[in-house]
Amino acid sequence: MKLTRHFTAVFLSVFIVLKLNAQLDIPASKALIQRIIPHHATQFIIEPLDAAAEKDVFEIESRSNKIVLKGNNGVTIASALYHYLK
């Protein structure tokens, strides 16, 4: 019984840490854009997007002559940027 509680506590802790790491870090996303396209980085806006059914998603739109990259984590923002540049 004690082992089961310990395993459950460890599992929940790992799950929470992984979930927190998957959150969108807007300054890191802006830094990525700055490194990849420094002369055009100010033309991008980063916005959070809730994940649909725990899946990674991104959207790209245009607003006020700027490109809006929406995603639920840093990987999806990078994917949105790649998709836009491609």
Protein backbone atom coordinates (compact mmCIF):
# COMPACT_ATOMS: atom_id res chain seq x y z
CA MET A 1 0.00 0.00 0.00
CA LYS A 2 2.83 2.38 0.89
CA LEU A 3 4.57 1.59 -2.38
CA THR A 4 1.41 2.39 -4.34
CA ARG A 5 1.07 5.79 -2.65
CA HIS A 6 4.73 6.53 -3.26
CA PHE A 7 4.44 5.53 -6.95
CA THR A 8 1.31 7.69 -7.32
CA ALA A 9 3.02 10.68 -5.73
CA VAL A 10 6.07 10.32 -7.99
CA PHE A 11 3.90 9.88 -11.08
CA LEU A 12 1.84 12.98 -10.27
CA SER A 13 4.98 15.01 -9.60
CA VAL A 14 6.52 14.02 -12.94
CA PHE A 15 3.24 14.72 -14.75
CA ILE A 16 2.98 18.20 -13.19
CA VAL A 17 6.59 19.04 -14.07
CA LEU A 18 6.13 17.89 -17.66
CA LYS A 19 2.88 19.83 -17.96
CA LEU A 20 4.50 22.98 -16.61
CA ASN A 21 7.43 22.62 -19.02
CA ALA A 22 5.01 22.42 -21.94
CA GLN A 23 3.61 25.87 -21.24
CA LEU A 24 4.25 28.73 -23.63
CA ASP A 25 7.24 30.92 -22.72
CA ILE A 26 6.59 34.10 -24.73
CA PRO A 27 10.00 35.74 -24.07
CA ALA A 28 11.78 32.56 -25.21
CA SER A 29 9.64 32.44 -28.36
CA LYS A 30 10.44 36.07 -29.12
CA ALA A 31 14.14 35.34 -28.57
CA LEU A 32 13.93 32.47 -31.06
CA ILE A 33 12.41 34.76 -33.69
CA GLN A 34 15.06 37.38 -32.94
CA ARG A 35 17.82 34.82 -33.54
CA ILE A 36 16.33 33.45 -36.76
CA ILE A 37 15.17 36.65 -38.46
CA PRO A 38 16.62 39.58 -36.48
CA HIS A 39 15.68 42.28 -38.98
CA HIS A 40 12.01 41.24 -39.03
CA ALA A 41 11.45 40.10 -35.44
CA THR A 42 9.41 43.19 -34.56
CA GLN A 43 6.83 42.21 -37.19
CA PHE A 44 5.72 39.18 -35.14
CA ILE A 45 3.31 38.89 -32.23
CA ILE A 46 3.22 35.79 -30.02
CA GLU A 47 -0.05 34.79 -28.34
CA PRO A 48 -1.02 31.77 -26.27
CA LEU A 49 -3.50 29.24 -27.59
CA ASP A 50 -5.26 26.63 -25.48
CA ALA A 51 -4.57 23.08 -26.55
CA ALA A 52 -7.53 21.25 -27.99
CA ALA A 53 -7.87 17.90 -26.23
CA GLU A 54 -4.28 18.04 -24.96
CA LYS A 55 -2.86 18.22 -28.49
CA ASP A 56 -0.23 20.61 -29.79
CA VAL A 57 -1.81 23.24 -32.04
CA PHE A 58 -0.82 26.48 -33.73
CA GLU A 59 -2.50 29.22 -35.75
CA ILE A 60 -1.13 31.98 -37.95
CA GLU A 61 -2.97 35.18 -38.74
CA SER A 62 -2.32 38.75 -39.81
CA ARG A 63 -3.32 41.74 -37.70
CA SER A 64 -2.36 45.40 -38.19
CA ASN A 65 0.45 44.58 -40.63
CA LYS A 66 1.96 42.08 -38.19
CA ILE A 67 2.11 38.29 -38.21
CA VAL A 68 0.43 36.71 -35.18
CA LEU A 69 1.79 33.31 -34.19
CA LYS A 70 -0.46 31.48 -31.75
CA GLY A 71 0.46 28.23 -30.04
CA ASN A 72 0.12 26.31 -26.82
CA ASN A 73 3.87 25.83 -26.25
CA GLY A 74 7.26 26.82 -27.62
CA VAL A 75 7.43 23.94 -30.07
CA THR A 76 4.14 24.94 -31.70
CA ILE A 77 5.28 28.57 -31.97
CA ALA A 78 8.49 27.40 -33.65
CA SER A 79 6.40 25.19 -35.96
CA ALA A 80 4.13 28.13 -36.80
CA LEU A 81 7.17 30.27 -37.61
CA TYR A 82 8.64 27.51 -39.79
CA HIS A 83 5.32 27.07 -41.59
CA TYR A 84 5.03 30.81 -42.19
CA LEU A 85 8.61 31.16 -43.47
CA LYS A 86 8.32 28.10 -45.68
